[in-house]
C-alpha atoms as a PDB file:
ATOM      1  CA  UNK A   1      25.715 -11.636  49.143  1.00  0.00           C
ATOM      2  CA  UNK A   2      26.824  -8.318  47.870  1.00  0.00           C
ATOM      3  CA  UNK A   3      24.361  -5.596  47.615  1.00  0.00           C
ATOM      4  CA  UNK A   4      23.915  -4.897  43.963  1.00  0.00           C
ATOM      5  CA  UNK A   5      22.390  -1.637  43.106  1.00  0.00           C
ATOM      6  CA  UNK A   6      19.493  -1.240  40.768  1.00  0.00           C
ATOM      7  CA  UNK A   7      21.729   0.700  38.426  1.00  0.00           C
ATOM      8  CA  UNK A   8      24.221  -2.203  38.240  1.00  0.00           C
ATOM      9  CA  UNK A   9      21.390  -4.645  37.516  1.00  0.00           C
ATOM     10  CA  UNK A  10      20.091  -2.393  34.745  1.00  0.00           C
ATOM     11  CA  UNK A  11      23.614  -2.019  33.356  1.00  0.00           C
ATOM     12  CA  UNK A  12      24.080  -5.824  33.350  1.00  0.00           C
ATOM     13  CA  UNK A  13      20.713  -6.337  31.654  1.00  0.00           C
ATOM     14  CA  UNK A  14      21.603  -3.689  29.078  1.00  0.00           C
ATOM     15  CA  UNK A  15      24.990  -5.308  28.514  1.00  0.00           C
ATOM     16  CA  UNK A  16      23.390  -8.757  28.116  1.00  0.00           C
ATOM     17  CA  UNK A  17      20.814  -7.292  25.708  1.00  0.00           C
ATOM     18  CA  UNK A  18      23.547  -5.552  23.701  1.00  0.00           C
ATOM     19  CA  UNK A  19      25.561  -8.785  23.489  1.00  0.00           C
ATOM     20  CA  UNK A  20      22.423 -10.693  22.447  1.00  0.00           C
ATOM     21  CA  UNK A  21      21.692  -8.138  19.700  1.00  0.00           C
ATOM     22  CA  UNK A  22      25.279  -8.268  18.524  1.00  0.00           C
ATOM     23  CA  UNK A  23      25.181 -12.081  18.483  1.00  0.00           C
ATOM     24  CA  UNK A  24      21.901 -11.977  16.553  1.00  0.00           C
ATOM     25  CA  UNK A  25      23.410  -9.553  14.008  1.00  0.00           C
ATOM     26  CA  UNK A  26      26.496 -11.739  13.611  1.00  0.00           C
ATOM     27  CA  UNK A  27      24.263 -14.797  13.172  1.00  0.00           C
ATOM     28  CA  UNK A  28      22.186 -13.016  10.498  1.00  0.00           C
ATOM     29  CA  UNK A  29      25.359 -11.902   8.701  1.00  0.00           C
ATOM     30  CA  UNK A  30      26.787 -15.449   8.734  1.00  0.00           C
ATOM     31  CA  UNK A  31      23.436 -16.779   7.569  1.00  0.00           C
ATOM     32  CA  UNK A  32      23.370 -14.332   4.616  1.00  0.00           C
ATOM     33  CA  UNK A  33      27.002 -15.093   3.785  1.00  0.00           C
ATOM     34  CA  UNK A  34      26.304 -18.839   3.851  1.00  0.00           C
ATOM     35  CA  UNK A  35      23.160 -18.412   1.731  1.00  0.00           C
ATOM     36  CA  UNK A  36      25.193 -16.400  -0.777  1.00  0.00           C
ATOM     37  CA  UNK A  37      27.905 -19.085  -0.871  1.00  0.00           C
ATOM     38  CA  UNK A  38      25.310 -21.828  -1.287  1.00  0.00           C
ATOM     39  CA  UNK A  39      23.644 -19.943  -4.139  1.00  0.00           C
ATOM     40  CA  UNK A  40      27.028 -19.534  -5.834  1.00  0.00           C
ATOM     41  CA  UNK A  41      27.763 -23.244  -5.356  1.00  0.00           C
ATOM     42  CA  UNK A  42      24.333 -24.159  -6.779  1.00  0.00           C
ATOM     43  CA  UNK A  43      24.867 -21.819  -9.721  1.00  0.00           C
ATOM     44  CA  UNK A  44      28.275 -23.376 -10.428  1.00  0.00           C
ATOM     45  CA  UNK A  45      26.844 -26.885 -10.098  1.00  0.00           C
ATOM     46  CA  UNK A  46      24.093 -25.951 -12.552  1.00  0.00           C
ATOM     47  CA  UNK A  47      26.697 -24.640 -15.015  1.00  0.00           C
ATOM     48  CA  UNK A  48      28.765 -27.812 -14.580  1.00  0.00           C
ATOM     49  CA  UNK A  49      25.722 -30.036 -15.102  1.00  0.00           C
ATOM     50  CA  UNK A  50      24.695 -28.101 -18.213  1.00  0.00           C
ATOM     51  CA  UNK A  51      28.233 -28.254 -19.596  1.00  0.00           C
ATOM     52  CA  UNK A  52      28.442 -31.985 -18.928  1.00  0.00           C
ATOM     53  CA  UNK A  53      25.048 -32.490 -20.579  1.00  0.00           C
ATOM     54  CA  UNK A  54      26.207 -30.512 -23.628  1.00  0.00           C
ATOM     55  CA  UNK A  55      29.398 -32.571 -23.817  1.00  0.00           C
ATOM     56  CA  UNK A  56      27.462 -35.828 -23.525  1.00  0.00           C
ATOM     57  CA  UNK A  57      24.919 -34.674 -26.101  1.00  0.00           C
ATOM     58  CA  UNK A  58      27.693 -33.686 -28.523  1.00  0.00           C
ATOM     59  CA  UNK A  59      29.380 -37.062 -28.018  1.00  0.00           C
ATOM     60  CA  UNK A  60      26.088 -38.912 -28.561  1.00  0.00           C
ATOM     61  CA  UNK A  61      25.362 -36.773 -31.637  1.00  0.00           C
ATOM     62  CA  UNK A  62      28.757 -37.622 -33.146  1.00  0.00           C
ATOM     63  CA  UNK A  63      28.264 -41.324 -32.395  1.00  0.00           C
ATOM     64  CA  UNK A  64      24.835 -41.341 -34.051  1.00  0.00           C
ATOM     65  CA  UNK A  65      26.104 -39.415 -37.087  1.00  0.00           C
ATOM     66  CA  UNK A  66      28.958 -41.921 -37.434  1.00  0.00           C
ATOM     67  CA  UNK A  67      26.477 -44.825 -37.256  1.00  0.00           C
ATOM     68  CA  UNK A  68      24.365 -43.080 -39.886  1.00  0.00           C
ATOM     69  CA  UNK A  69      27.382 -42.542 -42.144  1.00  0.00           C
ATOM     70  CA  UNK A  70      28.364 -46.208 -41.808  1.00  0.00           C
ATOM     71  CA  UNK A  71      24.810 -47.270 -42.674  1.00  0.00           C
ATOM     72  CA  UNK A  72      24.694 -44.927 -45.680  1.00  0.00           C
ATOM     73  CA  UNK A  73      28.070 -46.227 -46.885  1.00  0.00           C
ATOM     74  CA  UNK A  74      26.876 -49.814 -46.502  1.00  0.00           C
ATOM     75  CA  UNK A  75      23.666 -49.094 -48.432  1.00  0.00           C
ATOM     76  CA  UNK A  76      25.620 -47.298 -51.167  1.00  0.00           C
ATOM     77  CA  UNK A  77      28.090 -50.190 -51.470  1.00  0.00           C
ATOM     78  CA  UNK A  78      25.219 -52.684 -51.618  1.00  0.00           C
ATOM     79  CA  UNK A  79      23.557 -50.573 -54.323  1.00  0.00           C
ATOM     80  CA  UNK A  80      26.817 -50.332 -56.275  1.00  0.00           C
ATOM     81  CA  UNK A  81      27.260 -54.118 -56.027  1.00  0.00           C
ATOM     82  CA  UNK A  82      23.724 -54.716 -57.294  1.00  0.00           C
ATOM     83  CA  UNK A  83      24.230 -52.284 -60.175  1.00  0.00           C
ATOM     84  CA  UNK A  84      27.535 -53.978 -61.067  1.00  0.00           C
ATOM     85  CA  UNK A  85      25.934 -57.414 -60.836  1.00  0.00           C
ATOM     86  CA  UNK A  86      23.032 -56.288 -63.055  1.00  0.00           C
ATOM     87  CA  UNK A  87      25.433 -54.664 -65.521  1.00  0.00           C
ATOM     88  CA  UNK A  88      27.621 -57.777 -65.632  1.00  0.00           C
ATOM     89  CA  UNK A  89      24.555 -59.968 -66.142  1.00  0.00           C
ATOM     90  CA  UNK A  90      23.256 -57.653 -68.905  1.00  0.00           C
ATOM     91  CA  UNK A  91      26.634 -57.627 -70.652  1.00  0.00           C
ATOM     92  CA  UNK A  92      26.878 -61.433 -70.474  1.00  0.00           C
ATOM     93  CA  UNK A  93      23.350 -61.873 -71.892  1.00  0.00           C
ATOM     94  CA  UNK A  94      23.984 -59.194 -74.520  1.00  0.00           C
ATOM     95  CA  UNK A  95      27.253 -60.836 -75.616  1.00  0.00           C
ATOM     96  CA  UNK A  96      25.670 -64.290 -75.751  1.00  0.00           C
ATOM     97  CA  UNK A  97      22.658 -62.917 -77.603  1.00  0.00           C
ATOM     98  CA  UNK A  98      24.854 -60.945 -80.011  1.00  0.00           C
ATOM     99  CA  UNK A  99      27.040 -63.998 -80.647  1.00  0.00           C
ATOM    100  CA  UNK A 100      23.983 -66.132 -81.177  1.00  0.00           C
ATOM    101  CA  UNK A 101      22.379 -63.673 -83.595  1.00  0.00           C
ATOM    102  CA  UNK A 102      25.674 -63.213 -85.442  1.00  0.00           C
ATOM    103  CA  UNK A 103      26.016 -66.980 -85.826  1.00  0.00           C
ATOM    104  CA  UNK A 104      22.398 -67.305 -86.906  1.00  0.00           C
ATOM    105  CA  UNK A 105      22.754 -64.544 -89.475  1.00  0.00           C
ATOM    106  CA  UNK A 106      26.086 -65.551 -90.930  1.00  0.00           C
ATOM    107  CA  UNK A 107      25.963 -69.260 -90.394  1.00  0.00           C
ATOM    108  CA  UNK A 108      26.228 -71.107 -93.586  1.00  0.00           C
ATOM    109  CA  UNK A 109      24.854 -74.554 -93.695  1.00  0.00           C
END
């Protein structure tokens, strides 16, 4: 075994300590960089999720409005048909009644 001086041992310990500190600093830097990247990824994912939710909500809104418009149109058409039917019925009764009264008034026996 070689005789290693106390100074060489101290120098090796100092060198090992310096390397360990440097490694620790590099690890902390990588950790911060990775945390920053992960935060950016999470932020982007949040934006994407919100945008997708907005798109889906807009699509659902349009679908529901269209259903509503179809229902309103159907109700309006049904109402129009009932009004027309009532009007036709009234006109038929009115004509028959008018004809009957006219015949009764001017009928000569």
